Amino acid sequence: MAKYDGIIGQEVLSVTEEENVLTVIFRDNRYLFVRVENGKLATESIPE
C-alpha cells in the first residue's frame, strides 16, 4: 500500500499496547495505530 511507503525501512523507537490498539512510533516522529474493529485490523498513520 503506497499509503505506508514512507515508513518502510524506518527505525522503530517504541511500541505500546493498549486495549485493542497497538501504537508504533518511528524515528521520524511518525505514528502508526493498529486497532481491531469488528474483528478486523484497521490502521491510521500520523502524519499521513
C-alpha atoms as a PDB file:
ATOM      1  CA  MET A   1       0.000   0.000   0.000  1.00  0.00           C
ATOM      2  CA  ALA A   2       1.510   3.271  -1.122  1.00  0.00           C
ATOM      3  CA  LYS A   3      -0.010   4.987   1.902  1.00  0.00           C
ATOM      4  CA  TYR A   4       2.664   3.371   4.114  1.00  0.00           C
ATOM      5  CA  ASP A   5       5.694   3.593   1.787  1.00  0.00           C
ATOM      6  CA  GLY A   6       7.184   6.344   3.981  1.00  0.00           C
ATOM      7  CA  ILE A   7       7.658   4.020   6.950  1.00  0.00           C
ATOM      8  CA  ILE A   8       9.341   1.189   5.063  1.00  0.00           C
ATOM      9  CA  GLY A   9      12.848   0.819   6.471  1.00  0.00           C
ATOM     10  CA  GLN A  10      12.309   3.388   9.242  1.00  0.00           C
ATOM     11  CA  GLU A  11      13.713   2.602  12.679  1.00  0.00           C
ATOM     12  CA  VAL A  12      11.091   1.799  15.314  1.00  0.00           C
ATOM     13  CA  LEU A  13      11.568   3.768  18.544  1.00  0.00           C
ATOM     14  CA  SER A  14       8.799   2.209  20.603  1.00  0.00           C
ATOM     15  CA  VAL A  15       5.735   0.022  20.512  1.00  0.00           C
ATOM     16  CA  THR A  16       2.951   0.303  23.066  1.00  0.00           C
ATOM     17  CA  GLU A  17      -0.017  -1.982  23.504  1.00  0.00           C
ATOM     18  CA  GLU A  18      -3.338  -0.870  24.943  1.00  0.00           C
ATOM     19  CA  GLU A  19      -6.757  -2.498  24.816  1.00  0.00           C
ATOM     20  CA  ASN A  20      -7.378  -3.269  21.123  1.00  0.00           C
ATOM     21  CA  VAL A  21      -4.743  -0.718  19.973  1.00  0.00           C
ATOM     22  CA  LEU A  22      -1.089  -1.167  19.077  1.00  0.00           C
ATOM     23  CA  THR A  23       0.903   2.079  18.622  1.00  0.00           C
ATOM     24  CA  VAL A  24       4.205   2.053  16.716  1.00  0.00           C
ATOM     25  CA  ILE A  25       6.405   5.187  16.871  1.00  0.00           C
ATOM     26  CA  PHE A  26       9.094   5.601  14.217  1.00  0.00           C
ATOM     27  CA  ARG A  27      12.374   7.580  14.275  1.00  0.00           C
ATOM     28  CA  ASP A  28      10.985  10.357  12.010  1.00  0.00           C
ATOM     29  CA  ASN A  29       8.157  11.010  14.533  1.00  0.00           C
ATOM     30  CA  ARG A  30       5.503   9.108  12.583  1.00  0.00           C
ATOM     31  CA  TYR A  31       2.902   7.152  14.478  1.00  0.00           C
ATOM     32  CA  LEU A  32       1.092   4.051  13.237  1.00  0.00           C
ATOM     33  CA  PHE A  33      -2.014   2.940  15.110  1.00  0.00           C
ATOM     34  CA  VAL A  34      -3.296  -0.584  14.551  1.00  0.00           C
ATOM     35  CA  ARG A  35      -6.603  -1.490  16.169  1.00  0.00           C
ATOM     36  CA  VAL A  36      -9.245  -4.182  15.990  1.00  0.00           C
ATOM     37  CA  GLU A  37     -12.683  -3.095  14.741  1.00  0.00           C
ATOM     38  CA  ASN A  38     -15.405  -5.714  14.337  1.00  0.00           C
ATOM     39  CA  GLY A  39     -12.806  -8.493  14.266  1.00  0.00           C
ATOM     40  CA  LYS A  40     -10.702  -6.863  11.514  1.00  0.00           C
ATOM     41  CA  LEU A  41      -7.482  -4.845  11.669  1.00  0.00           C
ATOM     42  CA  ALA A  42      -7.767  -1.111  10.978  1.00  0.00           C
ATOM     43  CA  THR A  43      -4.845   1.311  10.689  1.00  0.00           C
ATOM     44  CA  GLU A  44      -4.243   5.027  10.955  1.00  0.00           C
ATOM     45  CA  SER A  45      -0.952   6.857  10.495  1.00  0.00           C
ATOM     46  CA  ILE A  46       0.116  10.314  11.655  1.00  0.00           C
ATOM     47  CA  PRO A  47       1.275  12.240   9.662  1.00  0.00           C
ATOM     48  CA  GLU A  48      -0.273  10.721   6.556  1.00  0.00           C
END
